[in-house]
Amino acid sequence: MSYHIAPEVIIDGTLYTLLAFSVATWTVILFKIWEFTNNSYCNRRFNEAFWDTSDLAKAESLSADAAIGPQARIAQQGFAWLNESRDSGGKCLKYIGSSAELLEHSLLKQMQQEQHLMESGLIMLASIGSTAPFVGLFGTVLGIMHAMHEITASGSTSLDVVAGPIGDALVATAIGIAVAVPAVLAYNFFLRRVKQHRAGLENFVVSFLHITLSTDKV
């Protein structure tokens, strides 16, 4: 039964689990900070250069040579679709229909892929933020159960005997909360950043469609 397991094993196991949660949380946080910073930089550089070009041919060449970012990849997808549609001559089923709508669908599909990339890791942060306190509480409850068993076995209820084991067990709950707080804060922060980047990508898709329609490329 569970009370035959040494309290140290239970508490240590809980702490090691929380340590793994903490390492995973900060790994994701650091990676997402780099990812969003890099995406912002690439999008800003590409957006400025893209709209300074004089025609779509130069814009296509720019998108092929630009630092890879979400907007550049969307532009690459759009130009690739335009070229494939022109080369197919309407012989492929996937190019039959309204060209503008089909191009929009291709751009939105690429935008969704970019959003999925930006959202990667957020589920882990949400899961850790919601489960870490319960893992800590689990260690605390079992630790207190073992402490009570030891107190009963010793036949002593002095403060020295009671306070030590129970205090050690409560550490697990405190660490669980300490692990959960950064995960929850990071999840909320990055979720907001995803929404901001998605809004920027949506604006770019609309603008890309506008210039292709205006130049009769669709």
N, C-alpha and C. Protein backbone atom coordinates (compact mmCIF):
# COMPACT_ATOMS: atom_id res chain seq x y z
N MET A 1 0.84 -1.20 0.00
CA MET A 1 0.00 0.00 0.00
C MET A 1 0.88 1.25 0.00
N SER A 2 0.25 2.43 -0.29
CA SER A 2 1.01 3.65 -0.48
C SER A 2 1.79 4.07 0.74
N TYR A 3 1.28 3.73 2.00
CA TYR A 3 1.98 4.22 3.18
C TYR A 3 3.25 3.43 3.47
N HIS A 4 3.55 2.41 2.68
CA HIS A 4 4.82 1.71 2.82
C HIS A 4 5.92 2.39 2.01
N ILE A 5 5.55 3.32 1.17
CA ILE A 5 6.54 4.03 0.37
C ILE A 5 7.15 5.13 1.22
N ALA A 6 8.45 5.26 1.17
CA ALA A 6 9.13 6.29 1.96
C ALA A 6 8.66 7.67 1.54
N PRO A 7 8.41 8.57 2.49
CA PRO A 7 7.95 9.92 2.15
C PRO A 7 8.94 10.64 1.24
N GLU A 8 10.22 10.41 1.46
CA GLU A 8 11.22 11.08 0.63
C GLU A 8 11.07 10.72 -0.84
N VAL A 9 10.69 9.46 -1.10
CA VAL A 9 10.54 9.02 -2.49
C VAL A 9 9.39 9.76 -3.16
N ILE A 10 8.28 9.91 -2.44
CA ILE A 10 7.11 10.58 -3.00
C ILE A 10 7.39 12.06 -3.24
N ILE A 11 7.94 12.71 -2.22
CA ILE A 11 8.22 14.14 -2.35
C ILE A 11 9.27 14.39 -3.42
N ASP A 12 10.34 13.57 -3.43
CA ASP A 12 11.37 13.74 -4.44
C ASP A 12 10.83 13.50 -5.85
N GLY A 13 9.99 12.48 -5.98
CA GLY A 13 9.39 12.21 -7.29
C GLY A 13 8.54 13.38 -7.78
N THR A 14 7.78 13.96 -6.86
CA THR A 14 6.97 15.13 -7.21
C THR A 14 7.84 16.31 -7.61
N LEU A 15 8.91 16.52 -6.83
CA LEU A 15 9.79 17.65 -7.13
C LEU A 15 10.51 17.47 -8.46
N TYR A 16 10.94 16.25 -8.76
CA TYR A 16 11.59 16.02 -10.05
C TYR A 16 10.61 16.23 -11.21
N THR A 17 9.36 15.83 -10.99
CA THR A 17 8.34 16.07 -12.03
C THR A 17 8.15 17.56 -12.25
N LEU A 18 8.06 18.31 -11.15
CA LEU A 18 7.90 19.76 -11.27
C LEU A 18 9.14 20.40 -11.88
N LEU A 19 10.31 19.85 -11.58
CA LEU A 19 11.53 20.36 -12.20
C LEU A 19 11.49 20.17 -13.70
N ALA A 20 11.02 19.00 -14.14
CA ALA A 20 10.90 18.75 -15.58
C ALA A 20 9.90 19.72 -16.21
N PHE A 21 8.79 19.98 -15.49
CA PHE A 21 7.81 20.96 -15.97
C PHE A 21 8.45 22.33 -16.11
N SER A 22 9.25 22.70 -15.12
CA SER A 22 9.88 24.02 -15.14
C SER A 22 10.86 24.15 -16.30
N VAL A 23 11.66 23.12 -16.51
CA VAL A 23 12.62 23.14 -17.62
C VAL A 23 11.89 23.24 -18.96
N ALA A 24 10.81 22.46 -19.11
CA ALA A 24 10.03 22.51 -20.34
C ALA A 24 9.41 23.89 -20.54
N THR A 25 8.91 24.47 -19.45
CA THR A 25 8.27 25.79 -19.55
C THR A 25 9.26 26.85 -20.03
N TRP A 26 10.43 26.91 -19.40
CA TRP A 26 11.39 27.94 -19.76
C TRP A 26 12.03 27.68 -21.11
N THR A 27 12.11 26.42 -21.52
CA THR A 27 12.59 26.12 -22.87
C THR A 27 11.63 26.67 -23.91
N VAL A 28 10.35 26.41 -23.69
CA VAL A 28 9.33 26.92 -24.62
C VAL A 28 9.31 28.44 -24.61
N ILE A 29 9.39 29.05 -23.42
CA ILE A 29 9.35 30.51 -23.31
C ILE A 29 10.50 31.13 -24.10
N LEU A 30 11.71 30.64 -23.90
CA LEU A 30 12.87 31.20 -24.59
C LEU A 30 12.77 31.00 -26.10
N PHE A 31 12.30 29.82 -26.51
CA PHE A 31 12.16 29.57 -27.94
C PHE A 31 11.11 30.48 -28.56
N LYS A 32 9.98 30.64 -27.89
CA LYS A 32 8.91 31.48 -28.44
C LYS A 32 9.32 32.94 -28.48
N ILE A 33 10.09 33.39 -27.49
CA ILE A 33 10.59 34.77 -27.53
C ILE A 33 11.45 34.97 -28.77
N TRP A 34 12.36 34.02 -29.01
CA TRP A 34 13.20 34.11 -30.22
C TRP A 34 12.35 34.04 -31.48
N GLU A 35 11.38 33.14 -31.50
CA GLU A 35 10.56 32.96 -32.70
C GLU A 35 9.78 34.22 -33.04
N PHE A 36 9.10 34.80 -32.05
CA PHE A 36 8.30 35.99 -32.31
C PHE A 36 9.17 37.20 -32.65
N THR A 37 10.32 37.30 -32.00
CA THR A 37 11.24 38.39 -32.31
C THR A 37 11.74 38.27 -33.74
N ASN A 38 12.12 37.06 -34.13
CA ASN A 38 12.61 36.83 -35.50
C ASN A 38 11.51 37.07 -36.53
N ASN A 39 10.30 36.59 -36.24
CA ASN A 39 9.19 36.80 -37.16
C ASN A 39 8.88 38.28 -37.34
N SER A 40 8.89 39.03 -36.24
CA SER A 40 8.62 40.46 -36.32
C SER A 40 9.67 41.17 -37.17
N TYR A 41 10.93 40.80 -36.95
CA TYR A 41 12.02 41.41 -37.72
C TYR A 41 11.90 41.09 -39.21
N CYS A 42 11.70 39.80 -39.52
CA CYS A 42 11.60 39.39 -40.92
C CYS A 42 10.38 40.02 -41.60
N ASN A 43 9.25 40.04 -40.91
CA ASN A 43 8.04 40.63 -41.49
C ASN A 43 8.22 42.12 -41.75
N ARG A 44 8.84 42.81 -40.80
CA ARG A 44 9.02 44.25 -40.97
C ARG A 44 9.94 44.55 -42.15
N ARG A 45 11.06 43.82 -42.23
CA ARG A 45 12.00 44.04 -43.33
C ARG A 45 11.35 43.69 -44.68
N PHE A 46 10.67 42.56 -44.72
CA PHE A 46 10.05 42.13 -45.98
C PHE A 46 8.93 43.06 -46.39
N ASN A 47 8.10 43.48 -45.43
CA ASN A 47 6.96 44.34 -45.74
C ASN A 47 7.43 45.67 -46.33
N GLU A 48 8.48 46.24 -45.74
CA GLU A 48 9.00 47.51 -46.24
C GLU A 48 9.56 47.36 -47.65
N ALA A 49 10.33 46.30 -47.88
CA ALA A 49 10.93 46.10 -49.20
C ALA A 49 9.89 45.70 -50.24
N PHE A 50 8.91 44.90 -49.85
CA PHE A 50 7.90 44.41 -50.78
C PHE A 50 7.11 45.56 -51.39
N TRP A 51 6.66 46.47 -50.54
CA TRP A 51 5.81 47.56 -51.03
C TRP A 51 6.61 48.67 -51.68
N ASP A 52 7.93 48.61 -51.61
CA ASP A 52 8.77 49.59 -52.31
C ASP A 52 9.13 49.14 -53.72
N THR A 53 8.80 47.90 -54.08
CA THR A 53 9.09 47.42 -55.44
C THR A 53 8.13 48.07 -56.43
N SER A 54 8.56 48.11 -57.68
CA SER A 54 7.78 48.83 -58.70
C SER A 54 6.76 47.94 -59.41
N ASP A 55 6.95 46.63 -59.39
CA ASP A 55 6.01 45.73 -60.06
C ASP A 55 6.05 44.36 -59.40
N LEU A 56 5.11 43.49 -59.84
CA LEU A 56 5.00 42.17 -59.23
C LEU A 56 6.19 41.28 -59.54
N ALA A 57 6.82 41.48 -60.69
CA ALA A 57 7.98 40.66 -61.04
C ALA A 57 9.11 40.89 -60.04
N LYS A 58 9.35 42.15 -59.70
CA LYS A 58 10.38 42.45 -58.73
C LYS A 58 9.96 41.99 -57.33
N ALA A 59 8.66 42.10 -57.06
CA ALA A 59 8.16 41.64 -55.76
C ALA A 59 8.33 40.14 -55.62
N GLU A 60 8.10 39.41 -56.72
CA GLU A 60 8.28 37.95 -56.69
C GLU A 60 9.74 37.59 -56.47
N SER A 61 10.63 38.30 -57.15
CA SER A 61 12.05 38.05 -56.96
C SER A 61 12.47 38.36 -55.53
N LEU A 62 11.90 39.43 -54.97
CA LEU A 62 12.22 39.79 -53.59
C LEU A 62 11.76 38.73 -52.62
N SER A 63 10.55 38.20 -52.82
CA SER A 63 10.01 37.19 -51.90
C SER A 63 10.84 35.91 -51.93
N ALA A 64 11.48 35.64 -53.08
CA ALA A 64 12.31 34.44 -53.18
C ALA A 64 13.64 34.62 -52.47
N ASP A 65 14.12 35.87 -52.43
CA ASP A 65 15.45 36.13 -51.86
C ASP A 65 15.39 36.68 -50.44
N ALA A 66 14.20 37.04 -49.97
CA ALA A 66 14.08 37.70 -48.67
C ALA A 66 14.35 36.73 -47.53
N ALA A 67 14.71 37.32 -46.38
CA ALA A 67 14.83 36.52 -45.16
C ALA A 67 13.49 35.84 -44.89
N ILE A 68 13.54 34.55 -44.67
CA ILE A 68 12.30 33.79 -44.56
C ILE A 68 11.55 34.18 -43.30
N GLY A 69 10.31 34.60 -43.49
CA GLY A 69 9.40 34.93 -42.40
C GLY A 69 8.01 34.58 -42.84
N PRO A 70 7.02 34.71 -41.96
CA PRO A 70 5.64 34.35 -42.31
C PRO A 70 5.11 35.09 -43.54
N GLN A 71 5.32 36.40 -43.62
CA GLN A 71 4.80 37.15 -44.77
C GLN A 71 5.52 36.74 -46.06
N ALA A 72 6.81 36.52 -46.00
CA ALA A 72 7.56 36.10 -47.18
C ALA A 72 7.07 34.74 -47.67
N ARG A 73 6.79 33.83 -46.74
CA ARG A 73 6.30 32.51 -47.14
C ARG A 73 4.91 32.60 -47.75
N ILE A 74 4.07 33.50 -47.23
CA ILE A 74 2.74 33.69 -47.81
C ILE A 74 2.88 34.24 -49.23
N ALA A 75 3.77 35.22 -49.41
CA ALA A 75 3.98 35.79 -50.74
C ALA A 75 4.52 34.73 -51.69
N GLN A 76 5.45 33.91 -51.23
CA GLN A 76 5.98 32.83 -52.06
C GLN A 76 4.87 31.89 -52.49
N GLN A 77 3.98 31.55 -51.55
CA GLN A 77 2.85 30.68 -51.88
C GLN A 77 1.94 31.33 -52.92
N GLY A 78 1.69 32.62 -52.76
CA GLY A 78 0.84 33.32 -53.71
C GLY A 78 1.44 33.36 -55.11
N PHE A 79 2.72 33.70 -55.21
CA PHE A 79 3.36 33.74 -56.53
C PHE A 79 3.47 32.34 -57.13
N ALA A 80 3.72 31.34 -56.28
CA ALA A 80 3.79 29.96 -56.78
C ALA A 80 2.45 29.54 -57.36
N TRP A 81 1.37 29.91 -56.68
CA TRP A 81 0.04 29.56 -57.19
C TRP A 81 -0.23 30.27 -58.50
N LEU A 82 0.12 31.55 -58.60
CA LEU A 82 -0.10 32.30 -59.84
C LEU A 82 0.66 31.67 -61.00
N ASN A 83 1.90 31.28 -60.76
CA ASN A 83 2.70 30.67 -61.83
C ASN A 83 2.16 29.31 -62.23
N GLU A 84 1.79 28.50 -61.26
CA GLU A 84 1.25 27.17 -61.56
C GLU A 84 -0.09 27.27 -62.29
N SER A 85 -0.91 28.23 -61.88
CA SER A 85 -2.20 28.42 -62.53
C SER A 85 -2.03 28.84 -63.98
N ARG A 86 -1.07 29.74 -64.22
CA ARG A 86 -0.82 30.19 -65.60
C ARG A 86 -0.26 29.06 -66.45
N ASP A 87 0.64 28.26 -65.87
CA ASP A 87 1.25 27.17 -66.64
C ASP A 87 0.27 26.04 -66.93
N SER A 88 -0.69 25.83 -66.03
CA SER A 88 -1.63 24.72 -66.21
C SER A 88 -2.65 25.02 -67.31
N GLY A 89 -2.90 26.31 -67.56
CA GLY A 89 -3.88 26.68 -68.58
C GLY A 89 -5.28 26.22 -68.25
N GLY A 90 -5.58 26.05 -66.96
CA GLY A 90 -6.92 25.64 -66.55
C GLY A 90 -7.20 24.16 -66.76
N LYS A 91 -6.16 23.37 -67.00
CA LYS A 91 -6.36 21.95 -67.26
C LYS A 91 -6.46 21.13 -65.97
N CYS A 92 -6.02 21.68 -64.85
CA CYS A 92 -6.09 20.96 -63.57
C CYS A 92 -7.36 21.36 -62.83
N LEU A 93 -7.98 20.40 -62.15
CA LEU A 93 -9.21 20.68 -61.44
C LEU A 93 -9.02 21.73 -60.35
N LYS A 94 -7.84 21.73 -59.71
CA LYS A 94 -7.64 22.65 -58.60
C LYS A 94 -7.54 24.11 -59.05
N TYR A 95 -7.42 24.32 -60.37
CA TYR A 95 -7.35 25.69 -60.89
C TYR A 95 -8.63 26.09 -61.63
N ILE A 96 -9.66 25.24 -61.57
CA ILE A 96 -10.92 25.54 -62.24
C ILE A 96 -11.82 26.30 -61.26
N GLY A 97 -12.32 27.42 -61.68
CA GLY A 97 -13.18 28.24 -60.83
C GLY A 97 -12.69 29.67 -60.82
N SER A 98 -13.22 30.44 -59.89
CA SER A 98 -12.82 31.83 -59.76
C SER A 98 -11.36 31.91 -59.32
N SER A 99 -10.51 32.50 -60.14
CA SER A 99 -9.08 32.57 -59.83
C SER A 99 -8.84 33.36 -58.55
N ALA A 100 -9.59 34.44 -58.37
CA ALA A 100 -9.41 35.27 -57.18
C ALA A 100 -9.73 34.48 -55.91
N GLU A 101 -10.81 33.71 -55.95
CA GLU A 101 -11.20 32.93 -54.78
C GLU A 101 -10.21 31.80 -54.53
N LEU A 102 -9.73 31.18 -55.60
CA LEU A 102 -8.77 30.09 -55.44
C LEU A 102 -7.45 30.61 -54.88
N LEU A 103 -7.02 31.77 -55.36
CA LEU A 103 -5.79 32.36 -54.84
C LEU A 103 -5.97 32.73 -53.37
N GLU A 104 -7.11 33.29 -53.03
CA GLU A 104 -7.37 33.64 -51.63
C GLU A 104 -7.34 32.41 -50.74
N HIS A 105 -7.92 31.32 -51.24
CA HIS A 105 -7.91 30.07 -50.47
C HIS A 105 -6.48 29.58 -50.26
N SER A 106 -5.63 29.67 -51.28
CA SER A 106 -4.24 29.24 -51.16
C SER A 106 -3.50 30.10 -50.14
N LEU A 107 -3.73 31.41 -50.18
CA LEU A 107 -3.06 32.31 -49.24
C LEU A 107 -3.53 32.06 -47.81
N LEU A 108 -4.85 31.86 -47.64
CA LEU A 108 -5.38 31.62 -46.30
C LEU A 108 -4.89 30.28 -45.75
N LYS A 109 -4.73 29.31 -46.62
CA LYS A 109 -4.21 28.01 -46.18
C LYS A 109 -2.79 28.16 -45.66
N GLN A 110 -1.95 28.93 -46.37
CA GLN A 110 -0.59 29.17 -45.91
C GLN A 110 -0.59 29.98 -44.62
N MET A 111 -1.52 30.93 -44.51
CA MET A 111 -1.60 31.73 -43.29
C MET A 111 -1.97 30.87 -42.08
N GLN A 112 -2.85 29.90 -42.29
CA GLN A 112 -3.22 28.98 -41.22
C GLN A 112 -2.03 28.14 -40.79
N GLN A 113 -1.21 27.73 -41.74
CA GLN A 113 0.00 26.98 -41.40
C GLN A 113 0.95 27.83 -40.57
N GLU A 114 1.07 29.10 -40.93
CA GLU A 114 1.92 30.01 -40.16
C GLU A 114 1.37 30.19 -38.74
N GLN A 115 0.06 30.25 -38.62
CA GLN A 115 -0.54 30.38 -37.30
C GLN A 115 -0.29 29.14 -36.45
N HIS A 116 -0.39 27.98 -37.07
CA HIS A 116 -0.12 26.73 -36.34
C HIS A 116 1.32 26.70 -35.83
N LEU A 117 2.26 27.20 -36.65
CA LEU A 117 3.65 27.25 -36.21
C LEU A 117 3.81 28.19 -35.01
N MET A 118 3.13 29.33 -35.07
CA MET A 118 3.23 30.28 -33.97
C MET A 118 2.58 29.74 -32.70
N GLU A 119 1.57 28.90 -32.84
CA GLU A 119 0.86 28.36 -31.69
C GLU A 119 1.54 27.13 -31.10
N SER A 120 2.54 26.60 -31.79
CA SER A 120 3.22 25.40 -31.29
C SER A 120 3.87 25.70 -29.94
N GLY A 121 3.68 24.80 -29.01
CA GLY A 121 4.24 24.97 -27.67
C GLY A 121 3.28 25.60 -26.69
N LEU A 122 2.25 26.29 -27.18
CA LEU A 122 1.34 26.97 -26.27
C LEU A 122 0.46 25.97 -25.51
N ILE A 123 0.13 24.87 -26.16
CA ILE A 123 -0.66 23.85 -25.46
C ILE A 123 0.13 23.28 -24.29
N MET A 124 1.44 23.11 -24.47
CA MET A 124 2.27 22.62 -23.38
C MET A 124 2.27 23.61 -22.21
N LEU A 125 2.39 24.90 -22.52
CA LEU A 125 2.37 25.90 -21.46
C LEU A 125 1.04 25.89 -20.72
N ALA A 126 -0.05 25.79 -21.46
CA ALA A 126 -1.37 25.75 -20.83
C ALA A 126 -1.53 24.51 -19.96
N SER A 127 -1.05 23.38 -20.45
CA SER A 127 -1.16 22.13 -19.70
C SER A 127 -0.34 22.17 -18.42
N ILE A 128 0.89 22.68 -18.52
CA ILE A 128 1.73 22.79 -17.33
C ILE A 128 1.14 23.77 -16.34
N GLY A 129 0.64 24.89 -16.84
CA GLY A 129 0.05 25.89 -15.95
C GLY A 129 -1.16 25.37 -15.19
N SER A 130 -1.90 24.47 -15.81
CA SER A 130 -3.11 23.95 -15.15
C SER A 130 -2.85 22.73 -14.28
N THR A 131 -1.79 21.96 -14.58
CA THR A 131 -1.56 20.72 -13.84
C THR A 131 -0.49 20.82 -12.76
N ALA A 132 0.46 21.75 -12.92
CA ALA A 132 1.56 21.84 -11.95
C ALA A 132 1.08 22.02 -10.51
N PRO A 133 0.09 22.91 -10.23
CA PRO A 133 -0.37 23.03 -8.84
C PRO A 133 -0.95 21.73 -8.29
N PHE A 134 -1.62 20.96 -9.15
CA PHE A 134 -2.20 19.70 -8.68
C PHE A 134 -1.13 18.65 -8.44
N VAL A 135 -0.07 18.67 -9.26
CA VAL A 135 1.04 17.75 -9.00
C VAL A 135 1.68 18.08 -7.66
N GLY A 136 1.89 19.38 -7.41
CA GLY A 136 2.43 19.78 -6.11
C GLY A 136 1.51 19.41 -4.97
N LEU A 137 0.20 19.61 -5.17
CA LEU A 137 -0.77 19.26 -4.13
C LEU A 137 -0.79 17.76 -3.89
N PHE A 138 -0.63 16.99 -4.95
CA PHE A 138 -0.57 15.53 -4.81
C PHE A 138 0.60 15.13 -3.92
N GLY A 139 1.77 15.72 -4.17
CA GLY A 139 2.92 15.42 -3.33
C GLY A 139 2.71 15.85 -1.89
N THR A 140 2.05 16.99 -1.71
CA THR A 140 1.78 17.47 -0.36
C THR A 140 0.85 16.54 0.40
N VAL A 141 -0.22 16.13 -0.25
CA VAL A 141 -1.20 15.26 0.41
C VAL A 141 -0.57 13.93 0.82
N LEU A 142 0.17 13.32 -0.10
CA LEU A 142 0.80 12.05 0.24
C LEU A 142 1.89 12.24 1.30
N GLY A 143 2.61 13.38 1.19
CA GLY A 143 3.62 13.65 2.20
C GLY A 143 3.02 13.81 3.59
N ILE A 144 1.89 14.49 3.67
CA ILE A 144 1.21 14.66 4.97
C ILE A 144 0.68 13.33 5.48
N MET A 145 0.16 12.51 4.56
CA MET A 145 -0.31 11.18 4.97
C MET A 145 0.82 10.37 5.60
N HIS A 146 1.99 10.39 4.98
CA HIS A 146 3.13 9.66 5.52
C HIS A 146 3.61 10.29 6.82
N ALA A 147 3.55 11.62 6.89
CA ALA A 147 3.95 12.30 8.12
C ALA A 147 3.04 11.89 9.27
N MET A 148 1.74 11.84 9.01
CA MET A 148 0.79 11.42 10.05
C MET A 148 1.04 9.98 10.48
N HIS A 149 1.37 9.14 9.50
CA HIS A 149 1.65 7.74 9.83
C HIS A 149 2.89 7.64 10.73
N GLU A 150 3.92 8.41 10.42
CA GLU A 150 5.13 8.39 11.23
C GLU A 150 4.87 8.95 12.62
N ILE A 151 4.04 10.00 12.68
CA ILE A 151 3.72 10.60 13.99
C ILE A 151 2.96 9.60 14.84
N THR A 152 2.02 8.89 14.19
CA THR A 152 1.25 7.89 14.93
C THR A 152 2.16 6.76 15.42
N ALA A 153 3.08 6.35 14.55
CA ALA A 153 3.99 5.26 14.92
C ALA A 153 4.93 5.66 16.05
N SER A 154 5.33 6.93 16.07
CA SER A 154 6.25 7.39 17.11
C SER A 154 5.54 7.64 18.43
N GLY A 155 4.23 7.87 18.37
CA GLY A 155 3.47 8.12 19.59
C GLY A 155 3.72 9.50 20.18
N SER A 156 4.36 10.38 19.43
CA SER A 156 4.65 11.73 19.92
C SER A 156 3.96 12.76 19.03
N THR A 157 3.38 13.76 19.66
CA THR A 157 2.71 14.84 18.91
C THR A 157 3.36 16.19 19.19
N SER A 158 4.62 16.17 19.57
CA SER A 158 5.31 17.43 19.85
C SER A 158 5.49 18.22 18.55
N LEU A 159 5.68 19.51 18.69
CA LEU A 159 5.82 20.39 17.52
C LEU A 159 7.03 20.00 16.67
N ASP A 160 8.11 19.57 17.31
CA ASP A 160 9.30 19.19 16.56
C ASP A 160 9.03 17.99 15.66
N VAL A 161 8.23 17.09 16.14
CA VAL A 161 7.92 15.88 15.37
C VAL A 161 6.94 16.18 14.24
N VAL A 162 5.95 17.05 14.49
CA VAL A 162 4.89 17.33 13.52
C VAL A 162 5.32 18.33 12.45
N ALA A 163 5.99 19.41 12.88
CA ALA A 163 6.26 20.52 11.97
C ALA A 163 7.20 20.14 10.82
N GLY A 164 8.24 19.37 11.12
CA GLY A 164 9.22 19.05 10.09
C GLY A 164 8.64 18.32 8.90
N PRO A 165 8.04 17.13 9.07
CA PRO A 165 7.50 16.39 7.94
C PRO A 165 6.40 17.13 7.18
N ILE A 166 5.51 17.81 7.92
CA ILE A 166 4.42 18.54 7.25
C ILE A 166 4.98 19.73 6.47
N GLY A 167 5.96 20.41 7.06
CA GLY A 167 6.58 21.53 6.35
C GLY A 167 7.25 21.08 5.06
N ASP A 168 7.93 19.93 5.12
CA ASP A 168 8.56 19.41 3.91
C ASP A 168 7.52 19.06 2.85
N ALA A 169 6.39 18.52 3.28
CA ALA A 169 5.34 18.15 2.33
C ALA A 169 4.73 19.38 1.67
N LEU A 170 4.59 20.47 2.40
CA LEU A 170 3.99 21.69 1.84
C LEU A 170 4.88 22.36 0.80
N VAL A 171 6.17 22.04 0.83
CA VAL A 171 7.08 22.62 -0.16
C VAL A 171 6.64 22.24 -1.57
N ALA A 172 6.12 21.04 -1.74
CA ALA A 172 5.71 20.58 -3.07
C ALA A 172 4.62 21.46 -3.65
N THR A 173 3.65 21.85 -2.82
CA THR A 173 2.58 22.73 -3.30
C THR A 173 3.13 24.08 -3.70
N ALA A 174 4.03 24.62 -2.89
CA ALA A 174 4.62 25.92 -3.20
C ALA A 174 5.38 25.88 -4.52
N ILE A 175 6.14 24.83 -4.74
CA ILE A 175 6.90 24.72 -5.99
C ILE A 175 5.95 24.53 -7.17
N GLY A 176 4.88 23.76 -6.96
CA GLY A 176 3.90 23.58 -8.03
C GLY A 176 3.30 24.90 -8.48
N ILE A 177 2.98 25.77 -7.52
CA ILE A 177 2.44 27.09 -7.86
C ILE A 177 3.50 27.94 -8.54
N ALA A 178 4.74 27.86 -8.05
CA ALA A 178 5.83 28.64 -8.65
C ALA A 178 6.09 28.22 -10.09
N VAL A 179 5.89 26.94 -10.39
CA VAL A 179 6.07 26.47 -11.77
C VAL A 179 4.90 26.90 -12.65
N ALA A 180 3.69 26.89 -12.08
CA ALA A 180 2.50 27.18 -12.87
C ALA A 180 2.39 28.65 -13.26
N VAL A 181 2.80 29.56 -12.38
CA VAL A 181 2.62 30.99 -12.64
C VAL A 181 3.33 31.44 -13.92
N PRO A 182 4.63 31.15 -14.11
CA PRO A 182 5.27 31.57 -15.37
C PRO A 182 4.62 30.94 -16.61
N ALA A 183 4.19 29.69 -16.47
CA ALA A 183 3.58 29.01 -17.62
C ALA A 183 2.28 29.70 -18.03
N VAL A 184 1.46 30.06 -17.05
CA VAL A 184 0.18 30.73 -17.34
C VAL A 184 0.42 32.12 -17.92
N LEU A 185 1.33 32.88 -17.30
CA LEU A 185 1.62 34.22 -17.79
C LEU A 185 2.18 34.18 -19.21
N ALA A 186 3.09 33.24 -19.46
CA ALA A 186 3.68 33.12 -20.79
C ALA A 186 2.63 32.71 -21.82
N TYR A 187 1.75 31.80 -21.44
CA TYR A 187 0.69 31.36 -22.36
C TYR A 187 -0.19 32.54 -22.78
N ASN A 188 -0.62 33.33 -21.81
CA ASN A 188 -1.47 34.48 -22.12
C ASN A 188 -0.74 35.50 -22.98
N PHE A 189 0.54 35.72 -22.67
CA PHE A 189 1.32 36.70 -23.43
C PHE A 189 1.51 36.25 -24.88
N PHE A 190 1.91 35.00 -25.06
CA PHE A 190 2.16 34.51 -26.42
C PHE A 190 0.87 34.36 -27.21
N LEU A 191 -0.23 34.03 -26.54
CA LEU A 191 -1.51 33.94 -27.24
C LEU A 191 -1.90 35.30 -27.81
N ARG A 192 -1.64 36.35 -27.04
CA ARG A 192 -1.91 37.70 -27.53
C ARG A 192 -1.00 38.04 -28.71
N ARG A 193 0.26 37.62 -28.64
CA ARG A 193 1.18 37.86 -29.74
C ARG A 193 0.75 37.12 -31.01
N VAL A 194 0.22 35.91 -30.85
CA VAL A 194 -0.27 35.15 -32.00
C VAL A 194 -1.40 35.92 -32.68
N LYS A 195 -2.32 36.46 -31.88
CA LYS A 195 -3.44 37.21 -32.45
C LYS A 195 -2.94 38.46 -33.17
N GLN A 196 -1.95 39.14 -32.63
CA GLN A 196 -1.39 40.32 -33.28
C GLN A 196 -0.73 39.96 -34.60
N HIS A 197 0.05 38.89 -34.60
CA HIS A 197 0.71 38.46 -35.84
C HIS A 197 -0.30 37.99 -36.87
N ARG A 198 -1.34 37.32 -36.41
CA ARG A 198 -2.38 36.87 -37.35
C ARG A 198 -3.06 38.06 -38.02
N ALA A 199 -3.33 39.11 -37.24
CA ALA A 199 -3.94 40.31 -37.82
C ALA A 199 -3.05 40.91 -38.90
N GLY A 200 -1.73 40.94 -38.64
CA GLY A 200 -0.80 41.45 -39.64
C GLY A 200 -0.78 40.59 -40.89
N LEU A 201 -0.83 39.27 -40.72
CA LEU A 201 -0.85 38.38 -41.87
C LEU A 201 -2.14 38.51 -42.67
N GLU A 202 -3.26 38.70 -41.98
CA GLU A 202 -4.54 38.89 -42.67
C GLU A 202 -4.50 40.17 -43.51
N ASN A 203 -3.94 41.23 -42.96
CA ASN A 203 -3.82 42.47 -43.72
C ASN A 203 -2.94 42.28 -44.96
N PHE A 204 -1.88 41.51 -44.81
CA PHE A 204 -0.99 41.27 -45.95
C PHE A 204 -1.70 40.46 -47.02
N VAL A 205 -2.48 39.46 -46.63
CA VAL A 205 -3.22 38.65 -47.60
C VAL A 205 -4.18 39.52 -48.39
N VAL A 206 -4.91 40.39 -47.68
CA VAL A 206 -5.87 41.28 -48.35
C VAL A 206 -5.14 42.20 -49.33
N SER A 207 -4.01 42.75 -48.91
CA SER A 207 -3.25 43.65 -49.77
C SER A 207 -2.66 42.91 -50.98
N PHE A 208 -2.19 41.68 -50.75
CA PHE A 208 -1.64 40.88 -51.85
C PHE A 208 -2.72 40.60 -52.89
N LEU A 209 -3.91 40.23 -52.44
CA LEU A 209 -5.01 40.00 -53.37
C LEU A 209 -5.35 41.27 -54.14
N HIS A 210 -5.31 42.40 -53.45
CA HIS A 210 -5.66 43.67 -54.10
C HIS A 210 -4.70 43.99 -55.23
N ILE A 211 -3.41 43.83 -55.00
CA ILE A 211 -2.45 44.21 -56.06
C ILE A 211 -2.49 43.22 -57.22
N THR A 212 -2.74 41.93 -56.93
CA THR A 212 -2.82 40.96 -58.02
C THR A 212 -4.07 41.21 -58.88
N LEU A 213 -5.17 41.59 -58.25
CA LEU A 213 -6.38 41.91 -58.98
C LEU A 213 -6.20 43.21 -59.77
N SER A 214 -5.53 44.16 -59.17
CA SER A 214 -5.35 45.47 -59.81
C SER A 214 -4.47 45.37 -61.03
N THR A 215 -3.52 44.43 -61.02
CA THR A 215 -2.60 44.29 -62.15
C THR A 215 -3.06 43.21 -63.12
N ASP A 216 -4.29 42.69 -62.90
CA ASP A 216 -4.89 41.69 -63.81
C ASP A 216 -4.03 40.43 -63.91
N LYS A 217 -3.42 40.07 -62.78
CA LYS A 217 -2.63 38.83 -62.76
C LYS A 217 -3.47 37.63 -62.35
N VAL A 218 -4.72 37.87 -61.95
CA VAL A 218 -5.60 36.78 -61.53
C VAL A 218 -6.79 36.70 -62.45
